[in-house]
Amino acid sequence: MLEEAPRPPRVRKALARVDQKLMGSVELLIKGNPEVRVPNARAAAYLVVQGVESLTHRYVVDPPPMTREQFVDEMVALLRGYLRR
């Protein structure tokens, strides 16, 4: 949704900086957690951030037959499975 809206270059750059900062923070969390077993923390951070954003947008736009709490529980299970493989 947001990706389809026209944005001035200044806004695109600001959003890219926020994305990079967020992925860097998630990467540090991944590297600092001994329960996480992924071969590439940077790639995992990208997938986590983009996956959560995408699924959350989809949940809002086209709600599935589950409560918000169920959605959060399922998202946590999905991420745990991926990060602790």
Protein backbone atom coordinates (compact mmCIF):
# COMPACT_ATOMS: atom_id res chain seq x y z
CA MET A 1 0.00 0.00 0.00
CA LEU A 2 2.55 2.54 1.11
CA GLU A 3 4.92 1.43 -1.64
CA GLU A 4 2.31 2.34 -4.27
CA ALA A 5 1.76 5.91 -3.08
CA PRO A 6 3.77 8.60 -4.89
CA ARG A 7 6.44 10.09 -2.63
CA PRO A 8 8.92 12.90 -3.04
CA PRO A 9 12.60 11.85 -3.07
CA ARG A 10 13.11 13.37 0.40
CA VAL A 11 10.38 11.14 1.86
CA ARG A 12 11.69 8.03 0.06
CA LYS A 13 15.15 8.66 1.51
CA ALA A 14 13.76 9.18 5.01
CA LEU A 15 11.75 5.94 4.81
CA ALA A 16 14.80 4.06 3.54
CA ARG A 17 16.82 5.34 6.52
CA VAL A 18 14.11 4.20 8.95
CA ASP A 19 14.00 0.78 7.27
CA GLN A 20 17.78 0.41 7.47
CA LYS A 21 17.85 1.46 11.11
CA LEU A 22 15.07 -0.97 11.97
CA MET A 23 16.78 -3.85 10.16
CA GLY A 24 20.05 -3.00 11.89
CA SER A 25 18.34 -3.09 15.29
CA VAL A 26 16.68 -6.42 14.51
CA GLU A 27 20.01 -7.79 13.28
CA LEU A 28 21.63 -6.85 16.61
CA LEU A 29 18.80 -8.55 18.51
CA ILE A 30 19.24 -11.67 16.39
CA LYS A 31 23.01 -11.73 16.93
CA GLY A 32 22.57 -11.20 20.68
CA ASN A 33 20.08 -14.01 21.23
CA PRO A 34 21.68 -17.44 21.78
CA GLU A 35 18.39 -19.19 20.90
CA VAL A 36 18.48 -17.83 17.35
CA ARG A 37 20.13 -20.13 14.84
CA VAL A 38 20.30 -18.54 11.41
CA PRO A 39 23.30 -18.62 9.08
CA ASN A 40 23.01 -14.94 8.13
CA ALA A 41 21.71 -12.47 10.71
CA ARG A 42 21.43 -9.62 8.20
CA ALA A 43 19.33 -11.69 5.79
CA ALA A 44 17.19 -12.94 8.68
CA ALA A 45 16.61 -9.37 9.89
CA TYR A 46 15.48 -8.36 6.40
CA LEU A 47 13.05 -11.28 6.19
CA VAL A 48 11.68 -10.67 9.69
CA VAL A 49 11.10 -6.94 9.14
CA GLN A 50 9.65 -7.28 5.65
CA GLY A 51 7.59 -10.35 6.58
CA VAL A 52 6.04 -8.76 9.65
CA GLU A 53 5.27 -5.57 7.73
CA SER A 54 3.70 -7.45 4.83
CA LEU A 55 1.60 -9.78 6.95
CA THR A 56 0.46 -6.93 9.19
CA HIS A 57 -0.64 -4.86 6.19
CA ARG A 58 -2.48 -7.86 4.80
CA TYR A 59 -4.18 -8.47 8.14
CA VAL A 60 -5.46 -4.89 8.18
CA VAL A 61 -6.55 -4.78 4.53
CA ASP A 62 -8.05 -8.26 4.30
CA PRO A 63 -8.63 -9.55 7.85
CA PRO A 64 -8.48 -13.32 8.23
CA PRO A 65 -10.97 -15.23 10.40
CA MET A 66 -8.96 -14.77 13.59
CA THR A 67 -8.72 -12.31 16.41
CA ARG A 68 -5.86 -9.88 16.79
CA GLU A 69 -4.51 -12.00 19.64
CA GLN A 70 -4.59 -15.12 17.47
CA PHE A 71 -2.81 -13.24 14.68
CA VAL A 72 -0.07 -12.13 17.06
CA ASP A 73 0.31 -15.67 18.48
CA GLU A 74 0.58 -17.13 14.97
CA MET A 75 3.09 -14.48 13.91
CA VAL A 76 5.23 -15.23 16.97
CA ALA A 77 5.07 -18.98 16.22
CA LEU A 78 6.08 -18.31 12.60
CA LEU A 79 9.04 -16.16 13.61
CA ARG A 80 10.18 -18.53 16.36
CA GLY A 81 10.12 -21.45 13.93
CA TYR A 82 12.20 -19.53 11.41
CA LEU A 83 14.69 -18.08 13.86
CA ARG A 84 15.22 -21.24 15.92
CA ARG A 85 15.59 -23.73 13.09
